[in-house]
Structures are given as structure tokens and as C-alpha cells.
Amino acid sequence: KTLQLLADTGVNSVRLLSLSKHQPEDLKRVLDTAREMKLEMKFIPVLGNHWSHVEAKHSAYNKDESWYRKDFEHHYWPHAKATVEAVIDYPEILMWELMNEPEAQPETLRQFADDVSTRMRDL
């Protein structure tokens, strides 16, 4: 119903959360539903959240500099990898948002984005 309402009002791209508390199949189900409904929509999945209150228990803490430098490999990367692999052939993905509201030094965020996006492209 939500997807149809959005499409009926002219929305053609949707940003949605695909965080560590979600399964890759959750995102796939949304994409499949839009496809089955023949909605010409693109999606921007958000793979992580800087803040603790919306992540899975193992990721439920505010991230810091060391998390963006190296610690993201423990829980974030396995989730991001599984999510990307689950929908790798879906042209409905417009782009990926690596982190919602990241907070760290600019050079740390750049390194994080470069590292994660390179890994994603390698998939």
C-alpha cells in the first residue's frame, strides 16, 4: 500500500533503511514487490546508522573514529556484503547510502567510504 501511494503521488525514488537489524531478504522483498506491481521506482538502501537506537543489538552503540577506521569490519561489513550480494542484480537500486548521519573526522569518513565502496564494487 505504501509503495502504491508513493507511486500515485509521483515519487520515483525511495530511501529506505536496510540496517543490521534487517535481513537482506527484507530489502529483496521490497524490491520484488515494486517489481511485481510494475512500479518504476528506484531505491536508496541505507546500510548503517551512526546512532545506537536503530541498529541490531551487536551494533547498538554510537560509532567513533576507530569504528570508522577498522571496527566496521566486525558487524557492519558482513551485513553490508550480504545485503549487496542479495540484490546485486536488481537495477532498482539507484545507489547505496553507506551510513546515516556519520560523525567522524573528514579524512576518516573518506577512508571508510573509499574502503567500503571499493569492496562493494569488487562484489
Foldseek 3Di string as FASTA:
>chain_A
DVVVVCVVVPAAEEEDECEQVHALVVVVVVLVVCVVVVRNHAYEYEYEEQAQPPHPPVRRHHDALVCLQPVCVPRRLVRVVNNCVSCVPRPSHPYYHHYDPDDYPPVSNVNSCVVSVVVSVVD
